[in-house]
Amino acid sequence: MATTTDFDVIVIGAGISGIYSAKFYLDTHPHCRLAILDRDDCVGGTWNSRRSYDEFWTQWTVGTAEYSDFPMPRPPEEDIYYESFKAKHTTNYLESYVDHHKYAGQTLRNRINFSTEVQSAEKENGKWILSAKHRINGTRYTFRALKLLVASGLTSIPNMPSFSGEADFGGPIVHHENFGSANVLSSPDIKKISVIGGGKSSADMVYSAVKAGKSVTWLLKETETTGPGFFLSPKGKGPYKTAFELAMTRIVSTLTPSFMNGDSWWTKFLHSTSIGVKIVKSFWKAVDAETRKDANFECRENSKGFEKLTPHSPIFWSNATGGLLNHADFFEVIADNVQVECADIDALGKGQIHLKNGATIPADALLCGTGWLPSLQFFSEDMRRQLGLPHLLTIDTPEESKHWAELESVADQRVTRSFPQLADPPPHWHRPVTSSPYRLYRLAVPISNAENLDRSIAFIGQVGVADYFPVVECQAMWTTAYLDGKLSLPSMEDQEKEVALFTTWCKRRYLSTGETGNELVFETMGYIDGLLEDLGLVSHRRGWFKDLFGPFLATQFAGLKEEYFKKYGYDQKKI
């Protein structure tokens, strides 16, 4: 029989998004009954200690990868590469964070229910009813709460492929989610490793396996694929020490065609005039060319298939997952030591991988960098439809399908008129579309009309961005004001139009990857500015020059919480 517990607020997820959204809600409601549920056995989500391994590095940099209220100590220099650093330091930082913050005698850690997987969530009689199960001992729980903050993340549920003959394989088949806790690199019995997938997680596992002295084959899909990801140099340009710093400036953000950059003479010039479009295309063409030149795909003297790692689409479109390099010798290590095969897997045999091109690869272990499944499956299909979450298109009524099709048709005309560059994408493979995109207003809350006073659920961190820390801080402030009824929203009609505009733009901007409707790879700064503008808070805080050309740092948000408390009438003294 399940144990039932009541709370005022439940937060699902104890990663970067979950622990900060819980912390900020407690800042404003220090005596509320709040619990955090997490399916893992430690703090941090993607960055927890169980998932960590030696060659796991951050993409973000020192000074950007922290909350504004709790500085992260600078890691030792041997763990830093162009200001990016080993992921274990983010892990340690998050562990310290949940111990540091205390409300009504309880730290954030005290409020976390570890190894507790939510299996269903539904609304009954004004409360959210969550059914959950302990992943280790099997104990079942029922949680009830007035409000629900969903911060379950985009990289928590592994997309694990199934293979014909995998029962005969005899060796471990491990997804990246379990790579850090597996013994594939330390086991003396595992000498030959194959890695499937063309993104950053696969690249990290390939590099780690080579450094551990293993014989490595990198398997890339031949059909139904967006191709290998881009791997960029982290080196900066001009006054910018790193590429990440440069990307986290508003001036560079304006070089991507996006409504989030505002409607100024500068953005109109860049994206709506022939000269401006040429400038933007030239910028991205130069980035693309330099990245390919650094990799030197075609000109290396090797017979291991390194050239097969050439991305299929230009970097501007970000149609495949990639990232910044964390090792100066990455390309050399791969080119000299890794056999790259571009073929689909047909079946597994004992210690073998049979490919559809007729080749057979000997392997003691198979590592899967095959992406992630939505972490929102605890909502029923119909509940996901009602909330504006991805759901099967087949469950939409004909009226709903027609309504959104009409909205998106109008929105698409505006997108291509405002950003002519997006009207002419390159040839590319596009994943079959079977699910709706996210249709959350501001990528945070369900669309609702003025009469709907049920502000009981919000979503944190369900976006693909360059740096989660500032995004989560702004989302936490925005959703707290929303849940407390302090934030006015536009009419339901205007919310729908804005959501349709964003999802349509996202599909145009990021091609197949953008079908989910939550990609903001190069739009982080614009999204942050929009949330703060909704709240009536100052987003440009350092003077026009630094606001435009300076990279984002966590210290930029100093004093923001105090402004928020004053504006919305929260009592700072009660904390």
Protein backbone atom coordinates (compact mmCIF):
# COMPACT_ATOMS: atom_id res chain seq x y z
CA MET A 1 0.00 0.00 0.00
CA ALA A 2 1.36 3.39 -1.00
CA THR A 3 2.34 5.99 1.58
CA THR A 4 0.53 9.32 0.99
CA THR A 5 2.16 12.66 1.78
CA ASP A 6 0.80 16.18 1.30
CA PHE A 7 2.83 19.24 0.31
CA ASP A 8 2.22 22.78 -0.83
CA VAL A 9 4.69 22.45 -3.70
CA ILE A 10 6.45 19.50 -5.32
CA VAL A 11 9.45 19.93 -7.61
CA ILE A 12 10.25 17.05 -9.98
CA GLY A 13 13.99 16.92 -10.59
CA ALA A 14 17.10 17.72 -8.54
CA GLY A 15 19.35 18.96 -11.33
CA ILE A 16 20.36 22.53 -12.15
CA SER A 17 16.75 23.50 -12.87
CA GLY A 18 15.07 21.69 -10.00
CA ILE A 19 17.27 22.77 -7.12
CA TYR A 20 17.26 26.44 -8.12
CA SER A 21 13.52 26.63 -8.79
CA ALA A 22 12.95 25.01 -5.38
CA LYS A 23 15.37 27.42 -3.77
CA PHE A 24 13.79 30.50 -5.30
CA TYR A 25 10.28 29.40 -4.41
CA LEU A 26 11.47 28.97 -0.83
CA ASP A 27 13.05 32.43 -0.98
CA THR A 28 9.58 33.80 -1.55
CA HIS A 29 7.69 31.24 0.60
CA PRO A 30 10.23 30.16 3.27
CA HIS A 31 7.71 28.25 5.40
CA CYS A 32 5.89 26.36 2.67
CA ARG A 33 5.91 22.58 2.61
CA LEU A 34 8.11 21.82 -0.40
CA ALA A 35 9.56 18.50 -1.53
CA ILE A 36 11.87 17.58 -4.41
CA LEU A 37 11.58 14.20 -6.14
CA ASP A 38 14.45 12.80 -8.18
CA ARG A 39 14.78 9.44 -9.91
CA ASP A 40 18.55 9.30 -9.31
CA ASP A 41 20.39 8.67 -6.05
CA CYS A 42 22.42 11.90 -5.99
CA VAL A 43 22.14 15.63 -6.73
CA GLY A 44 22.82 17.19 -10.11
CA GLY A 45 20.84 15.53 -12.87
CA THR A 46 23.14 15.34 -15.89
CA TRP A 47 25.93 16.62 -13.67
CA ASN A 48 25.56 14.19 -10.78
CA SER A 49 28.39 12.07 -9.41
CA ARG A 50 27.00 8.79 -10.74
CA ARG A 51 27.11 10.03 -14.33
CA SER A 52 30.51 11.69 -14.05
CA TYR A 53 33.75 10.38 -15.60
CA ASP A 54 37.23 11.79 -15.98
CA GLU A 55 36.89 13.13 -19.53
CA PHE A 56 33.45 14.66 -18.91
CA TRP A 57 33.83 18.42 -19.29
CA THR A 58 31.44 21.36 -19.27
CA GLN A 59 30.69 23.41 -22.37
CA TRP A 60 30.21 26.56 -20.32
CA THR A 61 33.02 28.55 -18.73
CA VAL A 62 34.23 29.78 -15.35
CA GLY A 63 32.05 32.65 -14.16
CA THR A 64 29.06 31.66 -16.29
CA ALA A 65 28.35 28.22 -14.79
CA GLU A 66 27.00 29.24 -11.41
CA TYR A 67 23.99 30.82 -9.74
CA SER A 68 24.34 34.52 -9.00
CA ASP A 69 23.82 34.04 -5.23
CA PHE A 70 26.59 31.47 -4.70
CA PRO A 71 29.96 31.87 -6.49
CA MET A 72 31.73 28.71 -7.62
CA PRO A 73 35.40 28.44 -6.63
CA ARG A 74 37.72 28.48 -9.63
CA PRO A 75 38.83 24.91 -10.44
CA PRO A 76 42.55 24.10 -10.47
CA GLU A 77 44.23 25.14 -13.70
CA GLU A 78 44.94 21.54 -14.73
CA ASP A 79 41.16 21.01 -14.88
CA ILE A 80 40.55 24.04 -17.11
CA TYR A 81 40.77 24.28 -20.90
CA TYR A 82 39.97 27.68 -22.38
CA GLU A 83 37.90 28.41 -19.25
CA SER A 84 35.75 25.27 -19.66
CA PHE A 85 36.40 22.79 -16.87
CA LYS A 86 35.89 19.22 -15.77
CA ALA A 87 32.27 18.45 -14.98
CA LYS A 88 33.10 17.16 -11.50
CA HIS A 89 33.47 20.78 -10.37
CA THR A 90 29.88 21.53 -11.36
CA THR A 91 28.90 18.37 -9.48
CA ASN A 92 30.71 19.54 -6.35
CA TYR A 93 29.22 23.01 -6.71
CA LEU A 94 25.65 21.69 -6.87
CA GLU A 95 26.30 19.39 -3.89
CA SER A 96 27.49 22.41 -1.89
CA TYR A 97 24.54 24.48 -3.04
CA VAL A 98 21.88 22.13 -1.67
CA ASP A 99 23.68 21.98 1.68
CA HIS A 100 24.21 25.74 1.92
CA HIS A 101 20.60 26.91 1.57
CA LYS A 102 18.29 26.30 4.53
CA TYR A 103 14.66 27.28 5.14
CA ALA A 104 12.58 26.61 8.25
CA GLY A 105 15.38 24.40 9.56
CA GLN A 106 15.66 22.26 6.41
CA THR A 107 18.35 22.40 3.75
CA LEU A 108 17.49 21.81 0.12
CA ARG A 109 19.13 18.39 0.44
CA ASN A 110 16.85 17.50 3.35
CA ARG A 111 13.89 18.07 1.04
CA ILE A 112 15.07 15.74 -1.76
CA ASN A 113 13.52 12.29 -2.09
CA PHE A 114 16.21 10.39 -3.97
CA SER A 115 15.64 7.32 -6.19
CA THR A 116 11.98 8.30 -6.36
CA GLU A 117 10.60 7.99 -9.87
CA VAL A 118 7.30 9.66 -10.67
CA GLN A 119 5.15 7.26 -12.66
CA SER A 120 1.98 9.29 -13.06
CA ALA A 121 0.75 12.83 -12.43
CA GLU A 122 -2.84 13.98 -12.66
CA LYS A 123 -5.03 16.78 -11.32
CA GLU A 124 -7.87 15.85 -8.97
CA ASN A 125 -10.04 18.14 -6.85
CA GLY A 126 -7.64 21.06 -7.06
CA LYS A 127 -4.50 19.06 -6.23
CA TRP A 128 -1.78 17.35 -8.20
CA ILE A 129 -1.66 13.63 -7.40
CA LEU A 130 1.69 11.99 -8.09
CA SER A 131 2.22 8.24 -7.97
CA ALA A 132 5.87 7.30 -7.51
CA LYS A 133 8.04 4.28 -6.89
CA HIS A 134 11.40 3.93 -5.16
CA ARG A 135 13.78 2.61 -7.80
CA ILE A 136 15.82 0.53 -5.34
CA ASN A 137 13.44 -0.99 -2.77
CA GLY A 138 10.21 -0.77 -4.78
CA THR A 139 8.26 1.18 -2.16
CA ARG A 140 5.28 3.00 -3.67
CA TYR A 141 4.36 6.55 -2.71
CA THR A 142 1.52 8.96 -3.38
CA PHE A 143 2.31 12.66 -3.18
CA ARG A 144 -0.29 15.42 -3.23
CA ALA A 145 0.45 19.08 -3.82
CA LEU A 146 -1.30 22.31 -4.64
CA LYS A 147 1.42 23.33 -7.07
CA LEU A 148 3.82 21.42 -9.30
CA LEU A 149 7.16 22.56 -10.70
CA VAL A 150 8.42 20.18 -13.39
CA ALA A 151 12.20 20.32 -13.79
CA SER A 152 12.83 16.78 -15.04
CA GLY A 153 15.26 17.89 -17.74
CA LEU A 154 15.95 16.96 -21.35
CA THR A 155 18.74 14.44 -20.69
CA SER A 156 17.42 12.22 -17.92
CA ILE A 157 15.71 9.32 -19.76
CA PRO A 158 18.07 7.47 -22.13
CA ASN A 159 16.94 6.58 -25.64
CA MET A 160 18.26 3.03 -25.63
CA PRO A 161 18.06 1.27 -28.99
CA SER A 162 17.25 -2.42 -29.26
CA PHE A 163 19.22 -4.73 -31.52
CA SER A 164 18.50 -8.10 -33.02
CA GLY A 165 20.71 -10.67 -31.30
CA GLU A 166 21.69 -8.48 -28.35
CA ALA A 167 21.09 -11.39 -25.96
CA ASP A 168 23.90 -13.24 -27.76
CA PHE A 169 26.33 -10.33 -27.70
CA GLY A 170 27.85 -11.30 -24.35
CA GLY A 171 29.28 -7.91 -23.48
CA PRO A 172 27.86 -4.77 -21.86
CA ILE A 173 25.63 -2.47 -23.90
CA VAL A 174 25.76 0.88 -22.13
CA HIS A 175 24.04 4.19 -22.78
CA HIS A 176 25.94 7.41 -22.08
CA GLU A 177 23.67 7.95 -19.07
CA ASN A 178 25.34 4.98 -17.34
CA PHE A 179 28.82 5.38 -18.83
CA GLY A 180 30.24 7.05 -15.72
CA SER A 181 29.14 4.24 -13.41
CA ALA A 182 30.02 1.36 -15.75
CA ASN A 183 33.39 -0.40 -15.65
CA VAL A 184 33.93 -0.67 -19.41
CA LEU A 185 37.12 1.40 -19.33
CA SER A 186 38.67 -0.23 -16.27
CA SER A 187 37.80 -3.84 -17.09
CA PRO A 188 40.80 -5.82 -18.41
CA ASP A 189 38.36 -8.13 -20.21
CA ILE A 190 37.09 -5.31 -22.42
CA LYS A 191 39.66 -4.52 -25.09
CA LYS A 192 37.54 -3.62 -28.11
CA ILE A 193 34.83 -0.99 -27.81
CA SER A 194 32.34 0.26 -30.40
CA VAL A 195 30.49 3.56 -29.93
CA ILE A 196 27.30 4.40 -31.81
CA GLY A 197 26.12 7.97 -32.37
CA GLY A 198 27.52 11.15 -33.91
CA GLY A 199 27.01 13.73 -31.16
CA LYS A 200 29.01 15.15 -28.28
CA SER A 201 28.27 12.32 -25.84
CA SER A 202 29.53 9.76 -28.36
CA ALA A 203 32.63 11.85 -29.01
CA ASP A 204 33.38 12.00 -25.28
CA MET A 205 33.05 8.22 -24.91
CA VAL A 206 35.22 7.58 -27.98
CA TYR A 207 37.97 9.87 -26.69
CA SER A 208 37.79 8.39 -23.18
CA ALA A 209 38.01 4.84 -24.52
CA VAL A 210 41.09 5.61 -26.62
CA LYS A 211 42.80 7.29 -23.66
CA ALA A 212 42.03 4.16 -21.60
CA GLY A 213 43.99 2.09 -24.11
CA LYS A 214 41.04 0.44 -25.85
CA SER A 215 40.70 -0.40 -29.53
CA VAL A 216 37.78 1.78 -30.67
CA THR A 217 35.35 1.76 -33.58
CA TRP A 218 33.02 4.75 -34.01
CA LEU A 219 29.76 3.77 -35.69
CA LEU A 220 27.72 6.39 -37.53
CA LYS A 221 24.29 5.73 -39.01
CA GLU A 222 24.17 5.67 -42.80
CA THR A 223 20.44 6.23 -43.29
CA GLU A 224 17.79 8.29 -41.51
CA THR A 225 20.35 10.55 -39.86
CA THR A 226 21.13 14.23 -39.54
CA GLY A 227 24.80 13.28 -39.64
CA PRO A 228 27.74 13.79 -37.28
CA GLY A 229 27.80 16.84 -35.06
CA PHE A 230 30.14 19.82 -35.24
CA PHE A 231 33.03 19.98 -32.78
CA LEU A 232 34.29 23.53 -32.47
CA SER A 233 37.49 25.02 -31.16
CA PRO A 234 36.91 26.81 -27.83
CA LYS A 235 39.41 29.55 -28.74
CA GLY A 236 38.07 33.08 -28.69
CA LYS A 237 38.57 35.96 -31.10
CA GLY A 238 39.89 39.44 -30.44
CA PRO A 239 39.23 40.51 -26.84
CA TYR A 240 37.24 37.35 -26.10
CA LYS A 241 39.21 34.58 -24.43
CA THR A 242 36.84 31.81 -25.47
CA ALA A 243 34.27 30.99 -28.13
CA PHE A 244 31.67 30.49 -25.39
CA GLU A 245 32.21 34.02 -24.09
CA LEU A 246 31.77 35.36 -27.61
CA ALA A 247 28.57 33.35 -28.10
CA MET A 248 27.17 34.69 -24.81
CA THR A 249 27.18 38.32 -25.99
CA ARG A 250 24.20 40.22 -27.29
CA ILE A 251 26.12 41.47 -30.32
CA VAL A 252 26.74 37.93 -31.56
CA SER A 253 23.18 36.94 -30.68
CA THR A 254 21.97 39.52 -33.19
CA LEU A 255 23.75 37.55 -35.92
CA THR A 256 21.17 34.79 -35.68
CA PRO A 257 17.75 35.48 -37.24
CA SER A 258 15.39 35.50 -34.29
CA PHE A 259 12.43 37.48 -33.00
CA MET A 260 14.02 37.28 -29.56
CA ASN A 261 16.62 39.83 -30.59
CA GLY A 262 13.96 42.54 -30.77
CA ASP A 263 12.76 44.66 -33.66
CA SER A 264 15.46 47.33 -33.97
CA TRP A 265 16.98 49.02 -37.01
CA TRP A 266 20.05 46.83 -36.51
CA THR A 267 18.21 43.50 -36.56
CA LYS A 268 16.07 44.63 -39.50
CA PHE A 269 19.22 45.62 -41.38
CA LEU A 270 20.95 42.31 -40.67
CA HIS A 271 18.09 40.00 -41.52
CA SER A 272 15.74 41.86 -43.87
CA THR A 273 18.12 43.62 -46.28
CA SER A 274 20.28 42.02 -48.93
CA ILE A 275 23.47 43.59 -47.54
CA GLY A 276 22.66 42.54 -43.99
CA VAL A 277 21.84 38.97 -45.00
CA LYS A 278 25.17 38.80 -46.85
CA ILE A 279 26.97 39.92 -43.68
CA VAL A 280 25.20 37.27 -41.59
CA LYS A 281 25.86 34.54 -44.15
CA SER A 282 29.51 35.56 -44.39
CA PHE A 283 29.91 35.39 -40.61
CA TRP A 284 28.46 31.90 -40.33
CA LYS A 285 30.28 30.72 -43.45
CA ALA A 286 33.56 31.80 -41.86
CA VAL A 287 32.73 29.96 -38.61
CA ASP A 288 31.81 26.86 -40.59
CA ALA A 289 34.93 26.99 -42.74
CA GLU A 290 37.26 27.49 -39.79
CA THR A 291 35.69 24.59 -37.91
CA ARG A 292 36.10 22.26 -40.88
CA LYS A 293 39.65 23.50 -41.42
CA ASP A 294 40.56 22.75 -37.79
CA ALA A 295 39.26 19.20 -38.19
CA ASN A 296 40.92 18.76 -41.60
CA PHE A 297 38.49 15.97 -42.49
CA GLU A 298 39.59 15.32 -46.05
CA CYS A 299 43.35 15.86 -45.97
CA ARG A 300 44.64 13.73 -43.14
CA GLU A 301 46.79 10.78 -44.07
CA ASN A 302 44.88 7.89 -42.59
CA SER A 303 42.82 4.95 -43.76
CA LYS A 304 40.51 4.77 -40.77
CA GLY A 305 37.59 6.71 -42.20
CA PHE A 306 38.09 9.99 -40.33
CA GLU A 307 36.54 11.92 -43.25
CA LYS A 308 33.20 10.26 -42.47
CA LEU A 309 32.89 12.60 -39.48
CA THR A 310 32.28 15.53 -41.84
CA PRO A 311 29.01 17.24 -40.79
CA HIS A 312 26.18 17.00 -43.31
CA SER A 313 24.76 20.53 -42.82
CA PRO A 314 26.39 23.94 -42.27
CA ILE A 315 26.94 24.88 -38.64
CA PHE A 316 24.47 27.78 -38.87
CA TRP A 317 21.53 25.34 -39.00
CA SER A 318 22.64 23.19 -36.03
CA ASN A 319 20.78 20.20 -37.44
CA ALA A 320 22.87 17.74 -35.42
CA THR A 321 24.19 17.78 -31.87
CA GLY A 322 27.77 18.92 -31.38
CA GLY A 323 29.73 21.12 -29.02
CA LEU A 324 32.98 22.76 -28.06
CA LEU A 325 36.16 20.72 -27.92
CA ASN A 326 37.69 20.13 -24.51
CA HIS A 327 40.97 18.60 -25.66
CA ALA A 328 43.68 20.11 -27.87
CA ASP A 329 44.47 16.68 -29.31
CA PHE A 330 40.90 15.52 -29.98
CA PHE A 331 41.04 15.36 -33.77
CA GLU A 332 44.52 13.85 -33.81
CA VAL A 333 43.54 11.17 -31.29
CA ILE A 334 40.46 10.23 -33.31
CA ALA A 335 42.18 10.30 -36.71
CA ASP A 336 45.16 8.22 -35.55
CA ASN A 337 43.40 5.68 -33.34
CA VAL A 338 39.70 5.29 -34.19
CA GLN A 339 38.13 3.29 -36.99
CA VAL A 340 35.10 5.23 -38.23
CA GLU A 341 32.34 3.29 -39.96
CA CYS A 342 29.25 4.78 -41.58
CA ALA A 343 26.72 1.96 -41.73
CA ASP A 344 23.57 0.83 -39.99
CA ILE A 345 23.65 -2.04 -37.51
CA ASP A 346 21.95 -5.18 -38.79
CA ALA A 347 22.35 -7.46 -35.76
CA LEU A 348 24.61 -8.40 -32.89
CA GLY A 349 26.37 -11.73 -32.47
CA LYS A 350 28.68 -13.10 -29.83
CA GLY A 351 31.38 -10.45 -29.52
CA GLN A 352 30.41 -9.05 -32.91
CA ILE A 353 28.44 -6.24 -34.53
CA HIS A 354 27.08 -7.08 -37.97
CA LEU A 355 26.55 -4.07 -40.23
CA LYS A 356 24.09 -3.82 -43.10
CA ASN A 357 26.94 -3.14 -45.54
CA GLY A 358 28.20 -6.67 -44.87
CA ALA A 359 31.05 -5.76 -42.52
CA THR A 360 31.48 -7.34 -39.09
CA ILE A 361 33.06 -5.42 -36.21
CA PRO A 362 34.57 -7.34 -33.28
CA ALA A 363 33.52 -5.75 -29.98
CA ASP A 364 33.61 -6.55 -26.28
CA ALA A 365 31.30 -3.63 -25.43
CA LEU A 366 28.86 -1.35 -27.22
CA LEU A 367 28.40 2.23 -26.00
CA CYS A 368 25.34 4.18 -27.09
CA GLY A 369 25.32 7.94 -27.54
CA THR A 370 21.82 7.69 -28.95
CA GLY A 371 20.11 10.62 -27.32
CA TRP A 372 17.25 10.98 -24.91
CA LEU A 373 13.55 10.37 -24.55
CA PRO A 374 11.12 13.01 -23.23
CA SER A 375 11.13 13.05 -19.42
CA LEU A 376 7.42 13.89 -19.25
CA GLN A 377 5.96 10.43 -19.75
CA PHE A 378 4.44 10.45 -16.25
CA PHE A 379 1.73 12.64 -17.75
CA SER A 380 -0.84 10.75 -19.80
CA GLU A 381 -0.95 11.40 -23.54
CA ASP A 382 -4.14 13.42 -23.15
CA MET A 383 -2.75 15.40 -20.21
CA ARG A 384 0.30 16.29 -22.31
CA ARG A 385 -2.07 17.53 -25.01
CA GLN A 386 -3.98 19.67 -22.50
CA LEU A 387 -0.81 21.14 -21.00
CA GLY A 388 0.86 21.96 -24.33
CA LEU A 389 3.57 19.29 -24.08
CA PRO A 390 4.74 17.07 -26.95
CA HIS A 391 2.14 14.41 -27.67
CA LEU A 392 1.12 12.15 -30.53
CA LEU A 393 -0.45 14.16 -33.33
CA THR A 394 -3.02 11.42 -33.81
CA ILE A 395 -4.84 12.30 -30.57
CA ASP A 396 -5.55 15.90 -31.63
CA THR A 397 -9.12 16.52 -32.70
CA PRO A 398 -9.63 17.66 -36.31
CA GLU A 399 -10.57 21.08 -34.96
CA GLU A 400 -7.35 21.36 -32.94
CA SER A 401 -5.21 20.23 -35.87
CA LYS A 402 -6.88 22.76 -38.17
CA HIS A 403 -6.57 25.55 -35.59
CA TRP A 404 -2.83 25.10 -35.12
CA ALA A 405 -2.23 24.56 -38.83
CA GLU A 406 -3.89 27.90 -39.59
CA LEU A 407 -1.93 29.70 -36.86
CA GLU A 408 1.34 28.19 -38.03
CA SER A 409 0.65 29.00 -41.68
CA VAL A 410 0.24 32.69 -40.83
CA ALA A 411 3.29 32.54 -38.55
CA ASP A 412 5.42 30.88 -41.24
CA GLN A 413 4.71 33.71 -43.64
CA ARG A 414 5.89 36.19 -41.03
CA VAL A 415 9.03 34.14 -40.31
CA THR A 416 10.11 33.92 -43.95
CA ARG A 417 9.20 37.56 -44.59
CA SER A 418 11.23 38.74 -41.57
CA PHE A 419 14.11 36.32 -42.11
CA PRO A 420 14.53 35.49 -45.83
CA GLN A 421 17.55 33.34 -45.02
CA LEU A 422 15.33 30.82 -43.23
CA ALA A 423 13.16 30.37 -46.33
CA ASP A 424 15.99 28.59 -48.13
CA PRO A 425 17.40 25.75 -45.99
CA PRO A 426 20.09 23.41 -47.36
CA PRO A 427 19.27 19.85 -48.44
CA HIS A 428 19.01 17.76 -45.29
CA TRP A 429 17.43 14.66 -43.81
CA HIS A 430 14.37 15.47 -41.73
CA ARG A 431 13.09 13.20 -38.99
CA PRO A 432 9.51 12.02 -39.51
CA VAL A 433 7.21 14.16 -37.36
CA THR A 434 4.83 12.14 -35.18
CA SER A 435 4.54 14.40 -32.14
CA SER A 436 3.48 17.98 -31.58
CA PRO A 437 6.07 20.57 -30.51
CA TYR A 438 6.15 22.15 -27.07
CA ARG A 439 3.30 24.65 -26.94
CA LEU A 440 4.06 26.27 -23.60
CA TYR A 441 3.78 30.02 -23.29
CA ARG A 442 7.29 31.40 -22.83
CA LEU A 443 8.37 27.74 -22.82
CA ALA A 444 7.26 27.65 -19.20
CA VAL A 445 3.49 27.44 -18.63
CA PRO A 446 0.34 26.12 -20.33
CA ILE A 447 -1.62 28.49 -22.54
CA SER A 448 -4.70 29.69 -20.66
CA ASN A 449 -7.49 32.19 -20.92
CA ALA A 450 -8.18 35.04 -18.48
CA GLU A 451 -10.97 33.11 -16.78
CA ASN A 452 -8.67 30.20 -15.97
CA LEU A 453 -7.30 30.97 -12.52
CA ASP A 454 -5.69 27.52 -12.13
CA ARG A 455 -2.05 28.56 -12.02
CA SER A 456 -0.80 25.37 -10.44
CA ILE A 457 1.90 24.03 -12.76
CA ALA A 458 5.04 25.36 -14.45
CA PHE A 459 8.00 23.91 -16.32
CA ILE A 460 11.65 24.80 -15.71
CA GLY A 461 14.56 23.88 -17.98
CA GLN A 462 12.59 22.23 -20.80
CA VAL A 463 14.64 24.23 -23.31
CA GLY A 464 17.79 23.56 -25.30
CA VAL A 465 20.14 26.45 -24.44
CA ALA A 466 23.85 27.18 -24.24
CA ASP A 467 23.92 27.92 -20.50
CA TYR A 468 21.21 26.70 -18.13
CA PHE A 469 22.25 28.71 -15.07
CA PRO A 470 21.00 32.19 -16.14
CA VAL A 471 18.00 30.71 -17.95
CA VAL A 472 16.91 28.79 -14.86
CA GLU A 473 17.30 31.85 -12.64
CA CYS A 474 15.03 33.90 -14.90
CA GLN A 475 12.54 31.06 -15.39
CA ALA A 476 12.33 30.56 -11.62
CA MET A 477 11.50 34.23 -11.04
CA TRP A 478 9.01 34.26 -13.91
CA THR A 479 7.20 31.06 -12.89
CA THR A 480 7.07 32.03 -9.20
CA ALA A 481 5.34 35.30 -10.10
CA TYR A 482 3.03 33.32 -12.39
CA LEU A 483 2.14 30.69 -9.77
CA ASP A 484 1.42 33.45 -7.23
CA GLY A 485 -0.89 35.27 -9.63
CA LYS A 486 1.38 38.32 -9.74
CA LEU A 487 2.21 38.12 -13.46
CA SER A 488 -0.33 39.23 -16.05
CA LEU A 489 -0.43 37.27 -19.30
CA PRO A 490 -1.71 38.32 -22.72
CA SER A 491 -5.04 37.06 -23.98
CA MET A 492 -5.30 33.38 -24.87
CA GLU A 493 -5.46 34.34 -28.56
CA ASP A 494 -2.21 36.31 -28.31
CA GLN A 495 -0.52 33.52 -26.35
CA GLU A 496 -1.44 31.04 -29.08
CA LYS A 497 -0.14 33.36 -31.79
CA GLU A 498 3.15 33.81 -29.97
CA VAL A 499 3.55 30.08 -29.41
CA ALA A 500 2.77 29.35 -33.06
CA LEU A 501 5.28 31.98 -34.14
CA PHE A 502 7.99 30.52 -31.94
CA THR A 503 7.44 26.87 -32.92
CA THR A 504 7.27 27.78 -36.61
CA TRP A 505 10.44 29.85 -36.34
CA CYS A 506 12.14 27.01 -34.44
CA LYS A 507 11.39 24.53 -37.22
CA ARG A 508 12.75 26.93 -39.81
CA ARG A 509 15.81 27.90 -37.77
CA TYR A 510 16.93 24.47 -36.56
CA LEU A 511 15.42 22.18 -39.21
CA SER A 512 14.82 18.66 -37.92
CA THR A 513 16.19 19.45 -34.46
CA GLY A 514 13.79 22.38 -34.22
CA GLU A 515 10.67 20.23 -34.66
CA THR A 516 10.46 19.91 -30.86
CA GLY A 517 9.86 23.65 -30.62
CA ASN A 518 12.22 24.25 -27.68
CA GLU A 519 15.63 24.91 -29.26
CA LEU A 520 17.44 28.11 -28.29
CA VAL A 521 21.05 27.22 -29.06
CA PHE A 522 22.08 30.74 -30.11
CA GLU A 523 19.19 32.66 -28.54
CA THR A 524 19.93 32.33 -24.82
CA MET A 525 20.46 36.05 -24.24
CA GLY A 526 17.31 37.06 -26.10
CA TYR A 527 15.21 34.56 -24.16
CA ILE A 528 16.56 35.85 -20.84
CA ASP A 529 15.86 39.45 -21.85
CA GLY A 530 12.29 38.54 -22.77
CA LEU A 531 11.54 36.90 -19.42
CA LEU A 532 12.96 39.83 -17.46
CA GLU A 533 11.04 42.29 -19.63
CA ASP A 534 7.81 40.42 -18.82
CA LEU A 535 8.65 40.82 -15.13
CA GLY A 536 9.35 44.51 -15.50
CA LEU A 537 12.96 44.03 -14.37
CA VAL A 538 16.12 45.52 -15.82
CA SER A 539 17.98 43.06 -18.05
CA HIS A 540 20.60 45.49 -19.38
CA ARG A 541 22.50 46.22 -16.19
CA ARG A 542 26.09 47.21 -17.11
CA GLY A 543 25.85 50.19 -19.46
CA TRP A 544 25.17 50.02 -23.20
CA PHE A 545 28.67 49.02 -24.29
CA LYS A 546 29.16 46.12 -21.86
CA ASP A 547 25.55 45.04 -22.28
CA LEU A 548 26.09 44.75 -26.03
CA PHE A 549 29.66 43.50 -26.27
CA GLY A 550 30.35 41.96 -22.86
CA PRO A 551 29.85 38.22 -22.26
CA PHE A 552 27.27 37.15 -19.72
CA LEU A 553 28.58 36.50 -16.20
CA ALA A 554 26.58 35.33 -13.21
CA THR A 555 27.58 38.47 -11.31
CA GLN A 556 25.50 40.43 -13.83
CA PHE A 557 22.40 39.36 -11.89
CA ALA A 558 23.61 40.90 -8.62
CA GLY A 559 20.74 42.80 -7.03
CA LEU A 560 18.13 41.31 -9.37
CA LYS A 561 16.41 39.30 -6.65
CA GLU A 562 16.09 42.38 -4.45
CA GLU A 563 14.48 44.29 -7.32
CA TYR A 564 12.08 41.39 -7.82
CA PHE A 565 11.12 41.26 -4.13
CA LYS A 566 10.46 44.99 -4.05
CA LYS A 567 8.40 44.97 -7.23
CA TYR A 568 6.24 41.98 -6.31
CA GLY A 569 5.87 42.63 -2.59
CA TYR A 570 7.76 39.68 -1.14
CA ASP A 571 9.25 40.13 2.33
CA GLN A 572 13.03 39.81 2.23
CA LYS A 573 13.18 39.80 6.04
CA LYS A 574 11.33 36.49 6.33
CA ILE A 575 14.09 34.55 4.64
